[in-house]
Amino acid sequence: MFLTAGCIDVFHPMVSFSSCGVSLKGRYIRAADAVDWTQLQDAGYEICVLSPHTTKRKINLLTYTPPNKVVYVLGSESTGASESIVSLADKILSIPMNPKVESLSVASAASVLCYYHLWTTKYK
């Protein structure tokens, strides 16, 4: 996962606690500058944005099978991923929620995503 300026601290004790340590098992790259998403796609990576917002392209996370090369994008707590990244994304994923709940915090969503990715790629 790319950690861009202003993103959540995946190494914060609360993130590790809420993910039962799963967040510490991922591979992370700190990106000080803008990430060239198209270069990643050209290298064979699938770009997946995790978003609670309604869109026609949205895929339920529980029906998604991650490929070997995937980059997950989680936006900020208040605004989500930028529209430029969403428009470039190969997939837009969502975590199924109770209709009475608006969304998870980014830290909680990242924990669910990390757990799901590890479960479907390493342990299943």
C-alpha atoms as a PDB file:
ATOM      1  CA  MET A   1       0.000   0.000   0.000  1.00  0.00           C
ATOM      2  CA  PHE A   2       1.145   3.504  -0.782  1.00  0.00           C
ATOM      3  CA  LEU A   3       1.015   5.881   2.142  1.00  0.00           C
ATOM      4  CA  THR A   4       0.692   9.413   0.797  1.00  0.00           C
ATOM      5  CA  ALA A   5       0.967  12.691   2.699  1.00  0.00           C
ATOM      6  CA  GLY A   6      -1.887  13.176   5.119  1.00  0.00           C
ATOM      7  CA  CYS A   7      -2.996   9.550   5.150  1.00  0.00           C
ATOM      8  CA  ILE A   8      -3.682   7.498   8.234  1.00  0.00           C
ATOM      9  CA  ASP A   9      -0.741   6.174  10.215  1.00  0.00           C
ATOM     10  CA  VAL A  10      -1.036   2.402   9.666  1.00  0.00           C
ATOM     11  CA  PHE A  11       1.574   1.865  12.359  1.00  0.00           C
ATOM     12  CA  HIS A  12      -0.406   3.737  15.016  1.00  0.00           C
ATOM     13  CA  PRO A  13      -1.192   1.440  17.971  1.00  0.00           C
ATOM     14  CA  MET A  14      -4.959   1.946  17.572  1.00  0.00           C
ATOM     15  CA  VAL A  15      -4.819   0.854  13.921  1.00  0.00           C
ATOM     16  CA  SER A  16      -2.832  -2.215  14.854  1.00  0.00           C
ATOM     17  CA  PHE A  17      -5.222  -2.952  17.717  1.00  0.00           C
ATOM     18  CA  SER A  18      -8.378  -2.534  15.613  1.00  0.00           C
ATOM     19  CA  SER A  19      -6.984  -4.829  12.922  1.00  0.00           C
ATOM     20  CA  CYS A  20      -5.714  -7.395  15.446  1.00  0.00           C
ATOM     21  CA  GLY A  21      -2.219  -6.799  14.051  1.00  0.00           C
ATOM     22  CA  VAL A  22      -3.158  -7.548  10.434  1.00  0.00           C
ATOM     23  CA  SER A  23      -2.280  -3.990   9.362  1.00  0.00           C
ATOM     24  CA  LEU A  24       1.330  -4.710  10.325  1.00  0.00           C
ATOM     25  CA  LYS A  25       1.534  -7.629   7.879  1.00  0.00           C
ATOM     26  CA  GLY A  26       1.108  -5.554   4.706  1.00  0.00           C
ATOM     27  CA  ARG A  27       3.711  -4.051   2.428  1.00  0.00           C
ATOM     28  CA  TYR A  28       3.714  -0.251   2.498  1.00  0.00           C
ATOM     29  CA  ILE A  29       5.495   2.430   0.501  1.00  0.00           C
ATOM     30  CA  ARG A  30       5.611   6.005   1.747  1.00  0.00           C
ATOM     31  CA  ALA A  31       5.010   8.244  -1.262  1.00  0.00           C
ATOM     32  CA  ALA A  32       6.085  11.821  -0.601  1.00  0.00           C
ATOM     33  CA  ASP A  33       5.058  12.922  -4.094  1.00  0.00           C
ATOM     34  CA  ALA A  34       2.063  12.104  -6.257  1.00  0.00           C
ATOM     35  CA  VAL A  35       1.860   8.494  -7.305  1.00  0.00           C
ATOM     36  CA  ASP A  36       1.870   7.781 -11.057  1.00  0.00           C
ATOM     37  CA  TRP A  37      -1.153   5.480 -11.120  1.00  0.00           C
ATOM     38  CA  THR A  38      -0.968   4.828 -14.870  1.00  0.00           C
ATOM     39  CA  GLN A  39       2.640   3.655 -14.521  1.00  0.00           C
ATOM     40  CA  LEU A  40       1.467   1.138 -11.926  1.00  0.00           C
ATOM     41  CA  GLN A  41      -1.311  -0.020 -14.253  1.00  0.00           C
ATOM     42  CA  ASP A  42       1.180  -0.369 -17.112  1.00  0.00           C
ATOM     43  CA  ALA A  43       3.265  -2.579 -14.796  1.00  0.00           C
ATOM     44  CA  GLY A  44       0.267  -4.882 -14.361  1.00  0.00           C
ATOM     45  CA  TYR A  45      -1.168  -3.611 -11.076  1.00  0.00           C
ATOM     46  CA  GLU A  46      -4.913  -3.365 -10.585  1.00  0.00           C
ATOM     47  CA  ILE A  47      -5.870  -0.076  -8.910  1.00  0.00           C
ATOM     48  CA  CYS A  48      -8.743  -0.511  -6.448  1.00  0.00           C
ATOM     49  CA  VAL A  49     -10.367   2.374  -4.609  1.00  0.00           C
ATOM     50  CA  LEU A  50     -12.266   1.580  -1.428  1.00  0.00           C
ATOM     51  CA  SER A  51     -15.233   3.934  -1.234  1.00  0.00           C
ATOM     52  CA  PRO A  52     -18.558   4.051   0.618  1.00  0.00           C
ATOM     53  CA  HIS A  53     -19.998   6.434  -1.971  1.00  0.00           C
ATOM     54  CA  THR A  54     -22.602   5.179  -4.400  1.00  0.00           C
ATOM     55  CA  THR A  55     -21.391   4.536  -7.920  1.00  0.00           C
ATOM     56  CA  LYS A  56     -22.442   2.256 -10.757  1.00  0.00           C
ATOM     57  CA  ARG A  57     -18.977   0.688 -10.810  1.00  0.00           C
ATOM     58  CA  LYS A  58     -18.965  -0.299  -7.129  1.00  0.00           C
ATOM     59  CA  ILE A  59     -18.168  -3.948  -6.297  1.00  0.00           C
ATOM     60  CA  ASN A  60     -18.961  -5.617  -2.982  1.00  0.00           C
ATOM     61  CA  LEU A  61     -15.619  -6.404  -1.317  1.00  0.00           C
ATOM     62  CA  LEU A  62     -16.839  -9.871  -0.339  1.00  0.00           C
ATOM     63  CA  THR A  63     -17.289 -10.828  -4.010  1.00  0.00           C
ATOM     64  CA  TYR A  64     -13.889  -9.458  -5.068  1.00  0.00           C
ATOM     65  CA  THR A  65     -10.960 -11.777  -5.772  1.00  0.00           C
ATOM     66  CA  PRO A  66      -7.687  -9.849  -5.528  1.00  0.00           C
ATOM     67  CA  PRO A  67      -5.130 -10.454  -8.284  1.00  0.00           C
ATOM     68  CA  ASN A  68      -1.445 -11.003  -7.499  1.00  0.00           C
ATOM     69  CA  LYS A  69      -0.636  -7.370  -8.248  1.00  0.00           C
ATOM     70  CA  VAL A  70      -3.049  -4.921  -6.639  1.00  0.00           C
ATOM     71  CA  VAL A  71      -2.878  -1.435  -5.158  1.00  0.00           C
ATOM     72  CA  TYR A  72      -5.605  -0.355  -2.734  1.00  0.00           C
ATOM     73  CA  VAL A  73      -6.472   3.328  -2.427  1.00  0.00           C
ATOM     74  CA  LEU A  74      -8.257   4.668   0.643  1.00  0.00           C
ATOM     75  CA  GLY A  75      -9.078   8.341   0.724  1.00  0.00           C
ATOM     76  CA  SER A  76      -9.190  10.755   3.597  1.00  0.00           C
ATOM     77  CA  GLU A  77     -11.711  10.508   6.407  1.00  0.00           C
ATOM     78  CA  SER A  78     -13.774  13.479   5.224  1.00  0.00           C
ATOM     79  CA  THR A  79     -13.534  13.530   1.432  1.00  0.00           C
ATOM     80  CA  GLY A  80     -12.515  10.026   0.386  1.00  0.00           C
ATOM     81  CA  ALA A  81     -10.269   9.369  -2.610  1.00  0.00           C
ATOM     82  CA  SER A  82      -9.831  12.166  -5.119  1.00  0.00           C
ATOM     83  CA  GLU A  83     -11.996  12.113  -8.227  1.00  0.00           C
ATOM     84  CA  SER A  84      -8.881  11.822 -10.412  1.00  0.00           C
ATOM     85  CA  ILE A  85      -7.911   8.568  -8.691  1.00  0.00           C
ATOM     86  CA  VAL A  86     -11.480   7.241  -8.743  1.00  0.00           C
ATOM     87  CA  SER A  87     -11.729   7.895 -12.489  1.00  0.00           C
ATOM     88  CA  LEU A  88      -8.466   5.987 -13.108  1.00  0.00           C
ATOM     89  CA  ALA A  89      -9.338   3.063 -10.843  1.00  0.00           C
ATOM     90  CA  ASP A  90      -9.818  -0.373 -12.331  1.00  0.00           C
ATOM     91  CA  LYS A  91     -12.240  -1.308  -9.550  1.00  0.00           C
ATOM     92  CA  ILE A  92     -14.210   0.564  -6.889  1.00  0.00           C
ATOM     93  CA  LEU A  93     -14.785  -1.611  -3.849  1.00  0.00           C
ATOM     94  CA  SER A  94     -17.193  -1.194  -0.967  1.00  0.00           C
ATOM     95  CA  ILE A  95     -17.579  -2.949   2.361  1.00  0.00           C
ATOM     96  CA  PRO A  96     -21.153  -4.167   2.788  1.00  0.00           C
ATOM     97  CA  MET A  97     -22.828  -2.211   5.575  1.00  0.00           C
ATOM     98  CA  ASN A  98     -26.085  -2.052   7.446  1.00  0.00           C
ATOM     99  CA  PRO A  99     -28.172   0.586   5.605  1.00  0.00           C
ATOM    100  CA  LYS A 100     -28.499   2.534   8.874  1.00  0.00           C
ATOM    101  CA  VAL A 101     -24.703   2.979   9.083  1.00  0.00           C
ATOM    102  CA  GLU A 102     -23.165   5.612   6.815  1.00  0.00           C
ATOM    103  CA  SER A 103     -19.608   4.270   6.686  1.00  0.00           C
ATOM    104  CA  LEU A 104     -16.658   2.959   8.675  1.00  0.00           C
ATOM    105  CA  SER A 105     -13.735   5.119   9.706  1.00  0.00           C
ATOM    106  CA  VAL A 106     -10.792   4.893   7.328  1.00  0.00           C
ATOM    107  CA  ALA A 107      -8.816   3.006   9.978  1.00  0.00           C
ATOM    108  CA  SER A 108     -11.597   0.447  10.395  1.00  0.00           C
ATOM    109  CA  ALA A 109     -12.083   0.123   6.638  1.00  0.00           C
ATOM    110  CA  ALA A 110      -8.335  -0.389   6.155  1.00  0.00           C
ATOM    111  CA  SER A 111      -8.380  -3.086   8.823  1.00  0.00           C
ATOM    112  CA  VAL A 112     -11.253  -4.911   7.134  1.00  0.00           C
ATOM    113  CA  LEU A 113      -9.555  -4.583   3.739  1.00  0.00           C
ATOM    114  CA  CYS A 114      -6.202  -5.882   5.032  1.00  0.00           C
ATOM    115  CA  TYR A 115      -7.869  -8.815   6.743  1.00  0.00           C
ATOM    116  CA  TYR A 116      -9.937  -9.669   3.655  1.00  0.00           C
ATOM    117  CA  HIS A 117      -6.920  -9.420   1.357  1.00  0.00           C
ATOM    118  CA  LEU A 118      -4.799 -11.669   3.557  1.00  0.00           C
ATOM    119  CA  TRP A 119      -7.639 -14.142   4.044  1.00  0.00           C
ATOM    120  CA  THR A 120      -8.342 -14.485   0.325  1.00  0.00           C
ATOM    121  CA  THR A 121      -4.718 -14.549  -0.834  1.00  0.00           C
ATOM    122  CA  LYS A 122      -2.747 -16.260   1.923  1.00  0.00           C
ATOM    123  CA  TYR A 123      -5.000 -18.311   4.151  1.00  0.00           C
ATOM    124  CA  LYS A 124      -7.788 -19.619   1.979  1.00  0.00           C
END
